[in-house]
N, C-alpha and C. Protein backbone atom coordinates (compact mmCIF):
# COMPACT_ATOMS: atom_id res chain seq x y z
N MET A 1 -83.12 24.79 -20.23
CA MET A 1 -84.03 23.43 -21.07
C MET A 1 -84.77 23.42 -19.85
N ALA A 2 -86.55 23.56 -20.23
CA ALA A 2 -86.81 23.38 -19.11
C ALA A 2 -87.25 21.81 -18.62
N ASP A 3 -88.12 21.61 -16.95
CA ASP A 3 -87.60 20.27 -16.37
C ASP A 3 -88.28 19.72 -17.77
N ASN A 4 -89.54 20.43 -18.23
CA ASN A 4 -90.91 19.11 -18.79
C ASN A 4 -89.94 19.23 -19.72
N ASP A 5 -89.40 20.03 -20.83
CA ASP A 5 -88.97 19.36 -22.06
C ASP A 5 -88.23 18.20 -21.82
N LEU A 6 -88.41 17.38 -23.52
CA LEU A 6 -88.28 16.47 -24.04
C LEU A 6 -86.59 16.66 -24.10
N ALA A 7 -86.12 15.50 -23.43
CA ALA A 7 -84.29 15.69 -24.32
C ALA A 7 -84.13 14.38 -25.50
N THR A 8 -83.06 15.50 -26.51
CA THR A 8 -82.82 15.01 -27.48
C THR A 8 -82.33 13.71 -27.27
N LYS A 9 -81.29 13.19 -28.40
CA LYS A 9 -80.58 12.70 -28.55
C LYS A 9 -79.84 12.72 -28.10
N LYS A 10 -79.46 14.55 -28.87
CA LYS A 10 -77.56 15.10 -28.31
C LYS A 10 -77.98 15.17 -27.09
N ASP A 11 -78.96 15.36 -26.24
CA ASP A 11 -79.24 15.61 -25.65
C ASP A 11 -78.87 14.69 -24.59
N LEU A 12 -78.69 13.45 -24.54
CA LEU A 12 -78.69 11.85 -23.92
C LEU A 12 -77.26 12.08 -24.25
N LEU A 13 -77.03 12.40 -25.15
CA LEU A 13 -75.74 11.76 -25.91
C LEU A 13 -73.92 13.06 -25.38
N ASP A 14 -75.36 14.27 -25.22
CA ASP A 14 -74.27 15.73 -23.47
C ASP A 14 -74.25 14.91 -22.48
N LEU A 15 -75.17 14.42 -22.34
CA LEU A 15 -75.18 13.84 -20.48
C LEU A 15 -74.38 12.99 -21.00
N GLU A 16 -74.27 12.00 -21.06
CA GLU A 16 -73.64 10.42 -20.89
C GLU A 16 -71.42 11.20 -21.02
N ALA A 17 -71.81 12.04 -21.73
CA ALA A 17 -70.94 12.45 -22.12
C ALA A 17 -69.72 12.82 -20.81
N ARG A 18 -70.98 13.48 -19.99
CA ARG A 18 -70.83 14.31 -19.14
C ARG A 18 -70.24 13.41 -17.70
N LEU A 19 -71.08 12.19 -17.64
CA LEU A 19 -70.92 12.03 -16.78
C LEU A 19 -69.86 11.12 -16.68
N GLU A 20 -69.73 10.19 -17.97
CA GLU A 20 -68.45 9.47 -17.65
C GLU A 20 -66.97 10.28 -17.66
N ALA A 21 -66.95 11.29 -18.26
CA ALA A 21 -65.68 12.42 -17.78
C ALA A 21 -65.72 12.10 -16.27
N ARG A 22 -66.63 12.32 -15.91
CA ARG A 22 -66.92 12.67 -14.60
C ARG A 22 -66.77 10.76 -13.44
N ILE A 23 -67.04 9.81 -14.03
CA ILE A 23 -67.23 8.84 -13.30
C ILE A 23 -65.23 8.49 -13.77
N ASP A 24 -64.93 8.25 -15.14
CA ASP A 24 -63.65 8.49 -14.79
C ASP A 24 -62.59 9.99 -13.95
N ALA A 25 -62.80 10.58 -13.86
CA ALA A 25 -61.59 11.43 -12.71
C ALA A 25 -62.00 10.40 -11.23
N LYS A 26 -63.64 10.59 -11.46
CA LYS A 26 -63.29 9.88 -10.35
C LYS A 26 -62.25 8.84 -9.32
N ILE A 27 -62.52 7.54 -10.79
CA ILE A 27 -61.83 6.83 -10.93
C ILE A 27 -60.57 6.99 -10.89
N ASP A 28 -60.38 7.87 -11.85
CA ASP A 28 -58.25 7.71 -11.49
C ASP A 28 -58.46 8.33 -9.87
N SER A 29 -59.18 9.55 -9.54
CA SER A 29 -58.67 10.28 -8.32
C SER A 29 -57.85 8.92 -7.16
N LYS A 30 -59.45 7.94 -7.47
CA LYS A 30 -59.65 6.76 -6.05
C LYS A 30 -57.94 6.53 -6.68
N ILE A 31 -58.03 5.78 -7.62
CA ILE A 31 -56.54 5.00 -8.15
C ILE A 31 -55.20 5.98 -7.98
N ASP A 32 -55.46 6.70 -7.74
CA ASP A 32 -54.05 7.99 -7.94
C ASP A 32 -53.46 7.88 -6.13
N GLY A 33 -55.14 7.58 -5.28
CA GLY A 33 -54.70 7.87 -3.90
C GLY A 33 -54.16 6.17 -3.46
N LEU A 34 -55.35 5.59 -3.79
CA LEU A 34 -55.11 3.88 -3.36
C LEU A 34 -53.15 3.76 -4.11
N GLU A 35 -52.83 4.40 -5.01
CA GLU A 35 -51.38 4.13 -5.79
C GLU A 35 -50.86 4.28 -4.85
N THR A 36 -51.07 6.01 -4.23
CA THR A 36 -50.33 6.40 -3.37
C THR A 36 -49.83 5.64 -1.89
N ARG A 37 -50.81 4.96 -1.20
CA ARG A 37 -50.96 5.23 -0.04
C ARG A 37 -50.80 3.31 0.25
N LEU A 38 -50.32 2.61 -2.02
CA LEU A 38 -49.90 1.49 -1.32
C LEU A 38 -47.86 1.51 -1.53
N THR A 39 -48.26 2.44 -2.40
CA THR A 39 -46.40 2.61 -2.43
C THR A 39 -46.12 3.26 -1.37
N GLU A 40 -46.80 3.57 -0.61
CA GLU A 40 -46.17 3.80 0.93
C GLU A 40 -46.16 2.70 1.91
N VAL A 41 -46.74 2.21 1.61
CA VAL A 41 -46.89 0.89 2.42
C VAL A 41 -45.45 -0.11 2.22
N ILE A 42 -45.42 -0.34 0.56
CA ILE A 42 -44.79 -0.82 -0.20
C ILE A 42 -43.18 -0.62 0.56
N ALA A 43 -43.25 0.71 0.33
CA ALA A 43 -41.26 1.68 0.78
C ALA A 43 -41.53 1.00 2.34
N GLU A 44 -42.10 0.63 2.95
CA GLU A 44 -42.25 1.06 4.93
C GLU A 44 -41.72 -0.78 5.19
N LYS A 45 -42.59 -2.31 4.76
CA LYS A 45 -41.86 -2.52 4.42
C LYS A 45 -40.40 -3.14 4.34
N VAL A 46 -40.80 -2.77 2.71
CA VAL A 46 -38.79 -2.52 2.28
C VAL A 46 -37.75 -2.26 3.54
N ARG A 47 -38.08 -1.02 3.97
CA ARG A 47 -37.40 -0.33 4.97
C ARG A 47 -37.81 -1.11 6.12
N ASP A 48 -38.37 -2.29 6.70
CA ASP A 48 -38.74 -2.71 7.99
C ASP A 48 -37.85 -4.45 7.41
N ALA A 49 -37.70 -4.37 6.08
CA ALA A 49 -36.92 -6.01 5.53
C ALA A 49 -35.66 -5.77 5.94
N GLN A 50 -35.12 -4.22 5.33
CA GLN A 50 -33.35 -3.55 5.77
C GLN A 50 -33.32 -4.13 6.67
N THR A 51 -34.26 -3.36 7.65
CA THR A 51 -33.27 -3.85 8.92
C THR A 51 -33.59 -4.86 9.73
N GLU A 52 -34.75 -6.00 9.44
CA GLU A 52 -33.55 -7.26 9.84
C GLU A 52 -32.82 -8.30 9.06
N ILE A 53 -33.04 -8.02 7.41
CA ILE A 53 -31.55 -7.91 7.16
C ILE A 53 -30.44 -7.43 8.66
N LEU A 54 -29.90 -5.86 8.47
CA LEU A 54 -29.27 -5.56 8.88
C LEU A 54 -28.59 -5.85 10.64
N ARG A 55 -30.13 -5.81 11.45
CA ARG A 55 -30.32 -6.35 12.28
C ARG A 55 -30.13 -7.98 12.79
N GLY A 56 -30.21 -8.81 12.06
CA GLY A 56 -29.38 -9.88 11.39
C GLY A 56 -28.35 -10.71 11.47
N PHE A 57 -27.29 -9.83 10.49
CA PHE A 57 -25.76 -9.15 10.23
C PHE A 57 -25.01 -9.18 11.28
N ILE A 58 -25.73 -8.84 12.39
CA ILE A 58 -24.87 -8.23 13.63
C ILE A 58 -25.15 -8.86 14.29
N ALA A 59 -25.94 -9.58 13.88
CA ALA A 59 -26.24 -10.83 15.90
C ALA A 59 -25.21 -11.89 15.01
N PHE A 60 -25.07 -12.11 14.04
CA PHE A 60 -23.75 -12.69 13.49
C PHE A 60 -23.10 -12.48 13.81
N GLN A 61 -22.58 -11.13 12.72
CA GLN A 61 -21.21 -10.77 13.41
C GLN A 61 -20.51 -10.78 14.72
N ASN A 62 -21.58 -10.15 15.96
CA ASN A 62 -21.54 -10.48 16.90
C ASN A 62 -21.35 -11.66 17.82
N SER A 63 -22.19 -12.68 17.03
CA SER A 63 -21.83 -14.24 17.43
C SER A 63 -20.95 -15.28 16.93
N ASN A 64 -20.17 -14.18 15.85
CA ASN A 64 -18.93 -14.90 15.02
C ASN A 64 -18.00 -13.98 14.92
N ALA A 65 -17.41 -12.96 16.20
CA ALA A 65 -16.40 -12.25 16.54
C ALA A 65 -15.36 -12.84 17.16
N PRO A 66 -16.53 -14.12 18.08
CA PRO A 66 -15.25 -14.93 19.44
C PRO A 66 -14.97 -15.87 18.44
N ARG A 67 -15.67 -16.81 18.14
CA ARG A 67 -14.71 -17.78 17.09
C ARG A 67 -13.44 -17.32 16.15
N MET A 68 -14.46 -16.07 15.15
CA MET A 68 -12.66 -15.50 14.18
C MET A 68 -11.59 -14.50 15.76
N ARG A 69 -11.40 -14.26 16.81
CA ARG A 69 -11.01 -14.48 17.53
C ARG A 69 -9.58 -15.68 17.94
N LYS A 70 -10.81 -16.71 18.74
CA LYS A 70 -10.41 -17.80 18.65
C LYS A 70 -9.25 -19.10 17.30
N MET A 71 -9.89 -18.66 16.64
CA MET A 71 -9.61 -19.56 15.81
C MET A 71 -7.70 -18.17 15.45
N GLU A 72 -7.60 -17.20 14.40
CA GLU A 72 -6.59 -16.18 15.16
C GLU A 72 -5.39 -17.07 15.87
N ALA A 73 -6.06 -17.27 17.57
CA ALA A 73 -5.10 -17.20 19.10
C ALA A 73 -4.68 -19.05 18.41
N ASP A 74 -5.95 -19.71 17.75
CA ASP A 74 -5.42 -21.30 17.40
C ASP A 74 -3.82 -21.13 16.83
N LEU A 75 -3.59 -20.88 14.98
CA LEU A 75 -3.59 -20.13 14.64
C LEU A 75 -1.90 -19.78 14.56
N SER A 76 -2.01 -18.27 15.16
CA SER A 76 -0.62 -18.08 16.65
C SER A 76 -0.10 -18.97 16.52
N ASN A 77 -0.62 -20.01 17.94
CA ASN A 77 0.11 -21.32 18.83
C ASN A 77 0.56 -22.51 17.39
N ILE A 78 0.08 -22.69 16.35
CA ILE A 78 0.75 -23.32 15.44
C ILE A 78 1.12 -23.04 14.81
N ASP A 79 1.64 -21.64 14.58
CA ASP A 79 2.73 -21.07 13.92
C ASP A 79 4.11 -21.24 15.00
N ALA A 80 3.57 -20.78 16.10
CA ALA A 80 4.36 -20.55 17.67
C ALA A 80 5.32 -21.54 17.95
N SER A 81 3.66 -22.98 17.56
CA SER A 81 3.97 -25.10 17.75
C SER A 81 5.88 -24.83 16.86
N THR A 82 5.46 -24.33 15.36
CA THR A 82 5.62 -24.91 14.20
C THR A 82 7.40 -24.13 15.09
N SER A 83 7.38 -22.82 14.50
CA SER A 83 9.09 -22.58 14.71
C SER A 83 9.79 -23.19 15.56
N GLN A 84 8.67 -23.36 16.64
CA GLN A 84 9.81 -23.79 17.98
C GLN A 84 10.68 -25.82 17.17
N ARG A 85 9.30 -25.74 16.69
CA ARG A 85 10.64 -27.52 16.46
C ARG A 85 11.20 -27.39 14.84
N LEU A 86 10.29 -26.32 14.15
CA LEU A 86 11.83 -25.93 13.29
C LEU A 86 13.17 -25.83 13.72
N GLU A 87 13.18 -24.83 15.14
CA GLU A 87 14.11 -24.39 15.73
C GLU A 87 14.86 -24.82 16.44
N ALA A 88 14.72 -26.04 16.78
CA ALA A 88 14.91 -27.81 17.57
C ALA A 88 15.91 -28.75 15.90
N LEU A 89 15.14 -29.14 15.25
CA LEU A 89 15.28 -29.43 13.69
C LEU A 89 16.63 -28.72 13.75
N GLU A 90 17.00 -27.48 13.57
CA GLU A 90 17.94 -26.41 12.63
C GLU A 90 18.69 -26.81 14.19
N ALA A 91 18.94 -27.08 15.46
CA ALA A 91 19.87 -27.02 15.41
C ALA A 91 20.11 -28.71 15.74
N ARG A 92 19.48 -29.93 15.19
CA ARG A 92 19.76 -30.84 15.26
C ARG A 92 20.80 -30.79 14.08
N MET A 93 20.56 -30.26 13.21
CA MET A 93 21.15 -30.54 11.96
C MET A 93 22.40 -29.81 12.05
N LEU A 94 22.47 -28.33 12.48
CA LEU A 94 23.71 -28.32 12.46
C LEU A 94 24.71 -28.72 13.71
N GLU A 95 24.11 -29.31 14.45
CA GLU A 95 25.26 -30.63 15.79
C GLU A 95 25.88 -31.75 14.80
N VAL A 96 24.68 -32.29 13.44
CA VAL A 96 25.08 -32.88 12.71
C VAL A 96 26.49 -32.89 11.70
N GLU A 97 25.96 -31.94 11.26
CA GLU A 97 26.75 -31.44 10.49
C GLU A 97 28.38 -30.66 10.41
N LYS A 98 28.14 -30.53 12.18
CA LYS A 98 29.10 -30.20 13.55
C LYS A 98 30.66 -31.62 13.12
N LYS A 99 29.64 -32.44 13.78
CA LYS A 99 29.87 -33.34 13.43
C LYS A 99 30.25 -34.10 12.31
N LEU A 100 30.44 -34.37 11.46
CA LEU A 100 30.05 -34.31 9.72
C LEU A 100 31.37 -34.14 9.63
N ILE A 101 31.92 -32.39 10.30
CA ILE A 101 33.14 -32.04 9.96
C ILE A 101 33.81 -32.06 10.49
N ILE A 102 34.00 -32.00 11.57
CA ILE A 102 35.18 -32.38 12.64
C ILE A 102 35.26 -33.67 12.03
N GLY A 103 34.81 -34.96 11.82
CA GLY A 103 35.07 -35.64 11.23
C GLY A 103 35.95 -36.08 9.95
N ASN A 104 35.41 -35.99 8.96
CA ASN A 104 36.22 -35.90 7.63
C ASN A 104 38.02 -34.96 8.24
N ARG A 105 37.92 -34.91 8.85
CA ARG A 105 39.02 -33.44 9.20
C ARG A 105 40.37 -34.98 9.72
């Protein structure tokens, strides 16, 4: 087709189809690129959030460990105190039983 020839309706439709295909290809390419970059940014933000959550747990555990050790020590002291009191009661009961047995003879 020469530069000064008239375009037919079919020529215009063919041109329109080719332009639409090129525009679609460009748009698809740009969307794919944006999607890839967005996915990378989201993945990085998720990793950052995970890191911050883990840091929070570590800080909590570090501050909570002394409290747990204190509670264990307190519980151990309570157990020891209860055992001593129970032993004292058992000794007193034994003395009472001895007196009852001796008194019944």
